[in-house]
Amino acid sequence: MLLDELKIEQDDLKVGDVVYTSHHPNIGVWVSFRYSKMRKEVIQRITPKRTKIVTDYGEYTNRDHFYRMTDELKKQSEIAEATENICDDLAKIDQFIKKHSYKGIHDEDMLNVKNHMNAVRKILDSYEQE
């Protein structure tokens, strides 16, 4: 389902409505992802001419869009957020290794990390075979 199909017309918005706004996941400079993160917001105020809409997160203009949530959109948002988390975690690993090398990881933790990395490797290897 396309995001455009879930847009809420601004003329239909009322104070107190629960809406969702679309935000691109932060996964790197000049990098985009196929899904957006959706944030739940409540409309607090709408100006009489509907040029500005204020929610509990911020102010929007009449050029911004609000969306209805569906199960499919919720899953896509979770995938986008998971992608952002993976990118953040990879960056943290990179920073840790640059700062501490592998010497900073305790023996038991090294074995635990190895097991998790093997699970990740299996997933990535499955894409190599396609």
N, C-alpha and C. Protein backbone atom coordinates (compact mmCIF):
# COMPACT_ATOMS: atom_id res chain seq x y z
N MET A 1 0.84 -1.18 0.00
CA MET A 1 0.00 0.00 0.00
C MET A 1 0.89 1.24 0.00
N LEU A 2 0.56 2.18 -0.85
CA LEU A 2 1.33 3.40 -0.95
C LEU A 2 0.97 4.36 0.17
N LEU A 3 1.96 5.11 0.62
CA LEU A 3 1.75 6.07 1.69
C LEU A 3 0.73 7.13 1.28
N ASP A 4 0.73 7.50 0.00
CA ASP A 4 -0.22 8.52 -0.48
C ASP A 4 -1.67 8.11 -0.26
N GLU A 5 -1.94 6.82 -0.29
CA GLU A 5 -3.31 6.33 -0.10
C GLU A 5 -3.78 6.51 1.34
N LEU A 6 -2.85 6.69 2.26
CA LEU A 6 -3.20 6.80 3.69
C LEU A 6 -3.17 8.24 4.19
N LYS A 7 -2.97 9.19 3.28
CA LYS A 7 -2.95 10.60 3.68
C LYS A 7 -4.33 11.01 4.20
N ILE A 8 -4.31 11.85 5.21
CA ILE A 8 -5.53 12.43 5.75
C ILE A 8 -5.65 13.84 5.17
N GLU A 9 -6.79 14.15 4.60
CA GLU A 9 -7.01 15.50 4.07
C GLU A 9 -6.98 16.49 5.24
N GLN A 10 -6.29 17.59 5.05
CA GLN A 10 -6.14 18.55 6.15
C GLN A 10 -7.48 19.18 6.55
N ASP A 11 -8.41 19.24 5.62
CA ASP A 11 -9.73 19.78 5.96
C ASP A 11 -10.48 18.87 6.93
N ASP A 12 -10.09 17.59 6.99
CA ASP A 12 -10.76 16.62 7.86
C ASP A 12 -10.17 16.58 9.27
N LEU A 13 -9.04 17.26 9.48
CA LEU A 13 -8.36 17.21 10.78
C LEU A 13 -9.09 18.05 11.82
N LYS A 14 -9.10 17.54 13.07
CA LYS A 14 -9.68 18.25 14.19
C LYS A 14 -8.71 18.18 15.37
N VAL A 15 -8.84 19.12 16.28
CA VAL A 15 -8.03 19.10 17.50
C VAL A 15 -8.37 17.82 18.26
N GLY A 16 -7.34 17.14 18.74
CA GLY A 16 -7.52 15.89 19.47
C GLY A 16 -7.36 14.65 18.60
N ASP A 17 -7.35 14.82 17.28
CA ASP A 17 -7.16 13.67 16.39
C ASP A 17 -5.77 13.07 16.58
N VAL A 18 -5.70 11.76 16.51
CA VAL A 18 -4.42 11.05 16.52
C VAL A 18 -4.03 10.83 15.07
N VAL A 19 -2.86 11.32 14.72
CA VAL A 19 -2.35 11.19 13.35
C VAL A 19 -0.94 10.64 13.41
N TYR A 20 -0.41 10.29 12.25
CA TYR A 20 0.95 9.79 12.17
C TYR A 20 1.71 10.62 11.15
N THR A 21 2.97 10.92 11.48
CA THR A 21 3.83 11.66 10.56
C THR A 21 4.96 10.75 10.11
N SER A 22 5.42 10.98 8.90
CA SER A 22 6.44 10.14 8.28
C SER A 22 7.81 10.77 8.46
N HIS A 23 8.79 9.95 8.86
CA HIS A 23 10.16 10.41 9.06
C HIS A 23 11.12 9.39 8.47
N HIS A 24 12.08 9.87 7.71
CA HIS A 24 13.06 8.96 7.11
C HIS A 24 14.00 8.44 8.19
N PRO A 25 14.30 7.14 8.15
CA PRO A 25 15.25 6.62 9.14
C PRO A 25 16.64 7.19 8.90
N ASN A 26 17.35 7.45 9.98
CA ASN A 26 18.70 8.01 9.90
C ASN A 26 19.69 6.86 9.74
N ILE A 27 20.03 6.55 8.48
CA ILE A 27 20.91 5.41 8.22
C ILE A 27 22.16 5.82 7.46
N GLY A 28 22.46 7.09 7.46
CA GLY A 28 23.68 7.54 6.80
C GLY A 28 23.41 8.74 5.90
N VAL A 29 24.49 9.42 5.57
CA VAL A 29 24.38 10.60 4.72
C VAL A 29 24.08 10.15 3.30
N TRP A 30 23.10 10.77 2.70
CA TRP A 30 22.71 10.49 1.32
C TRP A 30 22.23 9.07 1.11
N VAL A 31 21.74 8.43 2.16
CA VAL A 31 21.24 7.07 2.04
C VAL A 31 19.74 7.10 2.35
N SER A 32 18.96 6.46 1.49
CA SER A 32 17.53 6.39 1.75
C SER A 32 17.13 4.93 1.96
N PHE A 33 15.95 4.74 2.51
CA PHE A 33 15.45 3.39 2.76
C PHE A 33 14.03 3.32 2.21
N ARG A 34 13.58 2.13 1.90
CA ARG A 34 12.29 1.95 1.23
C ARG A 34 11.09 2.29 2.10
N TYR A 35 11.24 2.28 3.43
CA TYR A 35 10.13 2.59 4.32
C TYR A 35 10.48 3.79 5.20
N SER A 36 9.45 4.41 5.72
CA SER A 36 9.62 5.53 6.65
C SER A 36 9.20 5.10 8.05
N LYS A 37 9.77 5.78 9.03
CA LYS A 37 9.31 5.60 10.41
C LYS A 37 8.07 6.47 10.59
N MET A 38 7.10 5.94 11.28
CA MET A 38 5.87 6.70 11.53
C MET A 38 5.82 7.06 13.01
N ARG A 39 5.51 8.34 13.27
CA ARG A 39 5.44 8.79 14.67
C ARG A 39 4.00 9.19 14.98
N LYS A 40 3.49 8.67 16.07
CA LYS A 40 2.14 8.99 16.52
C LYS A 40 2.14 10.37 17.16
N GLU A 41 1.21 11.20 16.75
CA GLU A 41 1.09 12.56 17.29
C GLU A 41 -0.38 12.90 17.49
N VAL A 42 -0.63 13.81 18.42
CA VAL A 42 -1.98 14.27 18.69
C VAL A 42 -2.06 15.75 18.32
N ILE A 43 -3.08 16.10 17.56
CA ILE A 43 -3.23 17.49 17.14
C ILE A 43 -3.69 18.32 18.33
N GLN A 44 -2.93 19.39 18.61
CA GLN A 44 -3.22 20.28 19.74
C GLN A 44 -3.96 21.55 19.30
N ARG A 45 -3.59 22.05 18.11
CA ARG A 45 -4.16 23.32 17.66
C ARG A 45 -4.09 23.39 16.14
N ILE A 46 -5.11 23.98 15.55
CA ILE A 46 -5.13 24.24 14.11
C ILE A 46 -5.51 25.71 13.94
N THR A 47 -4.73 26.46 13.17
CA THR A 47 -5.05 27.86 12.95
C THR A 47 -6.33 27.97 12.12
N PRO A 48 -7.06 29.07 12.27
CA PRO A 48 -8.34 29.21 11.54
C PRO A 48 -8.21 29.04 10.02
N LYS A 49 -7.13 29.52 9.44
CA LYS A 49 -6.96 29.37 8.00
C LYS A 49 -6.28 28.05 7.63
N ARG A 50 -5.98 27.22 8.65
CA ARG A 50 -5.35 25.91 8.48
C ARG A 50 -3.97 26.00 7.81
N THR A 51 -3.26 27.09 8.09
CA THR A 51 -1.91 27.23 7.55
C THR A 51 -0.87 26.60 8.48
N LYS A 52 -1.26 26.40 9.74
CA LYS A 52 -0.34 25.80 10.71
C LYS A 52 -1.11 24.81 11.57
N ILE A 53 -0.49 23.65 11.77
CA ILE A 53 -1.07 22.62 12.63
C ILE A 53 -0.04 22.29 13.70
N VAL A 54 -0.45 22.36 14.96
CA VAL A 54 0.45 22.11 16.08
C VAL A 54 0.06 20.77 16.70
N THR A 55 1.07 19.92 16.88
CA THR A 55 0.85 18.63 17.55
C THR A 55 1.66 18.62 18.83
N ASP A 56 1.58 17.51 19.54
CA ASP A 56 2.36 17.38 20.77
C ASP A 56 3.85 17.24 20.48
N TYR A 57 4.25 17.12 19.21
CA TYR A 57 5.67 17.03 18.84
C TYR A 57 6.21 18.28 18.16
N GLY A 58 5.34 19.09 17.60
CA GLY A 58 5.85 20.26 16.91
C GLY A 58 4.82 20.92 16.03
N GLU A 59 5.30 21.85 15.20
CA GLU A 59 4.43 22.60 14.31
C GLU A 59 4.63 22.14 12.88
N TYR A 60 3.54 22.11 12.15
CA TYR A 60 3.56 21.72 10.75
C TYR A 60 2.82 22.77 9.92
N THR A 61 3.19 22.85 8.66
CA THR A 61 2.49 23.77 7.76
C THR A 61 1.45 22.99 6.97
N ASN A 62 0.71 23.71 6.15
CA ASN A 62 -0.30 23.04 5.33
C ASN A 62 0.33 22.24 4.19
N ARG A 63 1.65 22.29 4.05
CA ARG A 63 2.33 21.47 3.04
C ARG A 63 2.76 20.11 3.59
N ASP A 64 2.71 19.96 4.91
CA ASP A 64 3.08 18.69 5.54
C ASP A 64 1.90 17.72 5.47
N HIS A 65 2.22 16.44 5.63
CA HIS A 65 1.19 15.42 5.49
C HIS A 65 1.03 14.62 6.77
N PHE A 66 -0.20 14.19 6.99
CA PHE A 66 -0.54 13.33 8.12
C PHE A 66 -1.17 12.07 7.56
N TYR A 67 -1.00 10.95 8.29
CA TYR A 67 -1.42 9.66 7.76
C TYR A 67 -2.24 8.87 8.78
N ARG A 68 -3.03 7.94 8.25
CA ARG A 68 -3.73 6.95 9.06
C ARG A 68 -2.79 5.75 9.22
N MET A 69 -2.88 5.07 10.35
CA MET A 69 -2.04 3.90 10.58
C MET A 69 -2.81 2.64 10.17
N THR A 70 -2.11 1.74 9.51
CA THR A 70 -2.63 0.42 9.19
C THR A 70 -1.64 -0.62 9.72
N ASP A 71 -2.04 -1.86 9.73
CA ASP A 71 -1.13 -2.92 10.18
C ASP A 71 0.09 -3.00 9.29
N GLU A 72 -0.12 -2.86 7.98
CA GLU A 72 1.00 -2.93 7.03
C GLU A 72 1.96 -1.76 7.25
N LEU A 73 1.41 -0.57 7.46
CA LEU A 73 2.26 0.61 7.68
C LEU A 73 3.01 0.49 9.01
N LYS A 74 2.37 -0.08 10.01
CA LYS A 74 3.02 -0.29 11.31
C LYS A 74 4.22 -1.22 11.15
N LYS A 75 4.04 -2.30 10.38
CA LYS A 75 5.15 -3.24 10.16
C LYS A 75 6.28 -2.57 9.38
N GLN A 76 5.95 -1.78 8.37
CA GLN A 76 6.97 -1.07 7.60
C GLN A 76 7.73 -0.10 8.49
N SER A 77 7.03 0.58 9.38
CA SER A 77 7.67 1.51 10.30
C SER A 77 8.61 0.78 11.24
N GLU A 78 8.21 -0.40 11.71
CA GLU A 78 9.08 -1.20 12.58
C GLU A 78 10.33 -1.64 11.84
N ILE A 79 10.18 -2.00 10.56
CA ILE A 79 11.33 -2.40 9.75
C ILE A 79 12.28 -1.21 9.56
N ALA A 80 11.73 -0.03 9.30
CA ALA A 80 12.56 1.17 9.14
C ALA A 80 13.31 1.48 10.43
N GLU A 81 12.63 1.34 11.56
CA GLU A 81 13.28 1.60 12.84
C GLU A 81 14.35 0.55 13.13
N ALA A 82 14.08 -0.71 12.78
CA ALA A 82 15.08 -1.77 12.97
C ALA A 82 16.31 -1.49 12.11
N THR A 83 16.10 -1.03 10.89
CA THR A 83 17.21 -0.69 10.01
C THR A 83 18.06 0.42 10.60
N GLU A 84 17.40 1.43 11.15
CA GLU A 84 18.12 2.53 11.79
C GLU A 84 18.92 2.01 12.99
N ASN A 85 18.33 1.12 13.79
CA ASN A 85 19.02 0.56 14.95
C ASN A 85 20.24 -0.26 14.53
N ILE A 86 20.09 -1.05 13.46
CA ILE A 86 21.22 -1.85 12.97
C ILE A 86 22.37 -0.94 12.55
N CYS A 87 22.05 0.12 11.81
CA CYS A 87 23.09 1.06 11.37
C CYS A 87 23.77 1.73 12.57
N ASP A 88 22.98 2.11 13.56
CA ASP A 88 23.55 2.71 14.78
C ASP A 88 24.47 1.71 15.49
N ASP A 89 24.03 0.46 15.59
CA ASP A 89 24.83 -0.55 16.27
C ASP A 89 26.13 -0.83 15.53
N LEU A 90 26.07 -0.90 14.21
CA LEU A 90 27.30 -1.11 13.44
C LEU A 90 28.28 0.05 13.65
N ALA A 91 27.76 1.25 13.71
CA ALA A 91 28.63 2.42 13.95
C ALA A 91 29.24 2.34 15.35
N LYS A 92 28.46 1.90 16.34
CA LYS A 92 28.99 1.76 17.71
C LYS A 92 30.09 0.71 17.76
N ILE A 93 29.88 -0.40 17.06
CA ILE A 93 30.91 -1.45 17.02
C ILE A 93 32.18 -0.88 16.40
N ASP A 94 32.03 -0.17 15.30
CA ASP A 94 33.19 0.42 14.62
C ASP A 94 33.93 1.40 15.54
N GLN A 95 33.18 2.25 16.24
CA GLN A 95 33.80 3.21 17.15
C GLN A 95 34.50 2.50 18.31
N PHE A 96 33.88 1.45 18.83
CA PHE A 96 34.48 0.71 19.94
C PHE A 96 35.80 0.09 19.52
N ILE A 97 35.82 -0.53 18.35
CA ILE A 97 37.04 -1.20 17.89
C ILE A 97 38.14 -0.18 17.60
N LYS A 98 37.78 0.98 17.06
CA LYS A 98 38.77 2.02 16.81
C LYS A 98 39.37 2.53 18.12
N LYS A 99 38.52 2.62 19.14
CA LYS A 99 38.97 3.17 20.42
C LYS A 99 39.69 2.14 21.29
N HIS A 100 39.17 0.91 21.36
CA HIS A 100 39.69 -0.07 22.30
C HIS A 100 40.36 -1.27 21.65
N SER A 101 40.24 -1.42 20.35
CA SER A 101 40.67 -2.63 19.66
C SER A 101 39.83 -3.77 20.20
N TYR A 102 40.27 -4.99 20.01
CA TYR A 102 39.52 -6.13 20.55
C TYR A 102 39.95 -6.43 21.98
N LYS A 103 40.96 -5.75 22.44
CA LYS A 103 41.49 -5.98 23.79
C LYS A 103 40.49 -5.59 24.86
N GLY A 104 39.57 -4.70 24.53
CA GLY A 104 38.63 -4.20 25.52
C GLY A 104 37.47 -5.14 25.80
N ILE A 105 37.37 -6.24 25.07
CA ILE A 105 36.24 -7.16 25.25
C ILE A 105 36.69 -8.33 26.13
N HIS A 106 35.95 -8.60 27.19
CA HIS A 106 36.25 -9.72 28.09
C HIS A 106 36.05 -11.05 27.37
N ASP A 107 36.70 -12.09 27.87
CA ASP A 107 36.66 -13.41 27.24
C ASP A 107 35.24 -13.94 27.06
N GLU A 108 34.45 -13.92 28.13
CA GLU A 108 33.08 -14.44 28.05
C GLU A 108 32.25 -13.63 27.05
N ASP A 109 32.45 -12.33 27.06
CA ASP A 109 31.71 -11.48 26.12
C ASP A 109 32.14 -11.75 24.69
N MET A 110 33.42 -12.05 24.48
CA MET A 110 33.91 -12.34 23.13
C MET A 110 33.21 -13.59 22.58
N LEU A 111 33.04 -14.62 23.41
CA LEU A 111 32.34 -15.83 22.97
C LEU A 111 30.86 -15.54 22.68
N ASN A 112 30.27 -14.72 23.49
CA ASN A 112 28.87 -14.34 23.30
C ASN A 112 28.70 -13.54 22.00
N VAL A 113 29.59 -12.60 21.76
CA VAL A 113 29.56 -11.80 20.53
C VAL A 113 29.75 -12.71 19.32
N LYS A 114 30.66 -13.68 19.43
CA LYS A 114 30.90 -14.62 18.33
C LYS A 114 29.62 -15.35 17.95
N ASN A 115 28.88 -15.83 18.94
CA ASN A 115 27.63 -16.54 18.66
C ASN A 115 26.61 -15.65 17.95
N HIS A 116 26.51 -14.41 18.40
CA HIS A 116 25.58 -13.49 17.75
C HIS A 116 26.03 -13.14 16.33
N MET A 117 27.31 -12.96 16.17
CA MET A 117 27.83 -12.64 14.83
C MET A 117 27.65 -13.81 13.87
N ASN A 118 27.75 -15.04 14.37
CA ASN A 118 27.49 -16.21 13.52
C ASN A 118 26.04 -16.21 13.03
N ALA A 119 25.11 -15.84 13.91
CA ALA A 119 23.70 -15.77 13.51
C ALA A 119 23.51 -14.71 12.43
N VAL A 120 24.15 -13.57 12.59
CA VAL A 120 24.07 -12.50 11.59
C VAL A 120 24.71 -12.96 10.28
N ARG A 121 25.84 -13.63 10.38
CA ARG A 121 26.54 -14.12 9.18
C ARG A 121 25.65 -15.08 8.39
N LYS A 122 24.93 -15.97 9.08
CA LYS A 122 24.04 -16.92 8.40
C LYS A 122 22.96 -16.18 7.61
N ILE A 123 22.41 -15.14 8.19
CA ILE A 123 21.39 -14.35 7.48
C ILE A 123 22.00 -13.70 6.26
N LEU A 124 23.17 -13.08 6.41
CA LEU A 124 23.80 -12.41 5.29
C LEU A 124 24.23 -13.40 4.21
N ASP A 125 24.72 -14.58 4.63
CA ASP A 125 25.12 -15.59 3.66
C ASP A 125 23.95 -16.07 2.81
N SER A 126 22.75 -16.08 3.38
CA SER A 126 21.58 -16.52 2.62
C SER A 126 21.30 -15.59 1.44
N TYR A 127 21.70 -14.33 1.54
CA TYR A 127 21.52 -13.39 0.43
C TYR A 127 22.61 -13.57 -0.64
N GLU A 128 23.75 -14.08 -0.25
CA GLU A 128 24.83 -14.34 -1.20
C GLU A 128 24.46 -15.47 -2.14
N GLN A 129 23.63 -16.39 -1.68
CA GLN A 129 23.26 -17.56 -2.48
C GLN A 129 22.16 -17.24 -3.48
N GLU A 130 21.48 -16.12 -3.33
CA GLU A 130 20.39 -15.77 -4.25
C GLU A 130 20.90 -15.32 -5.58
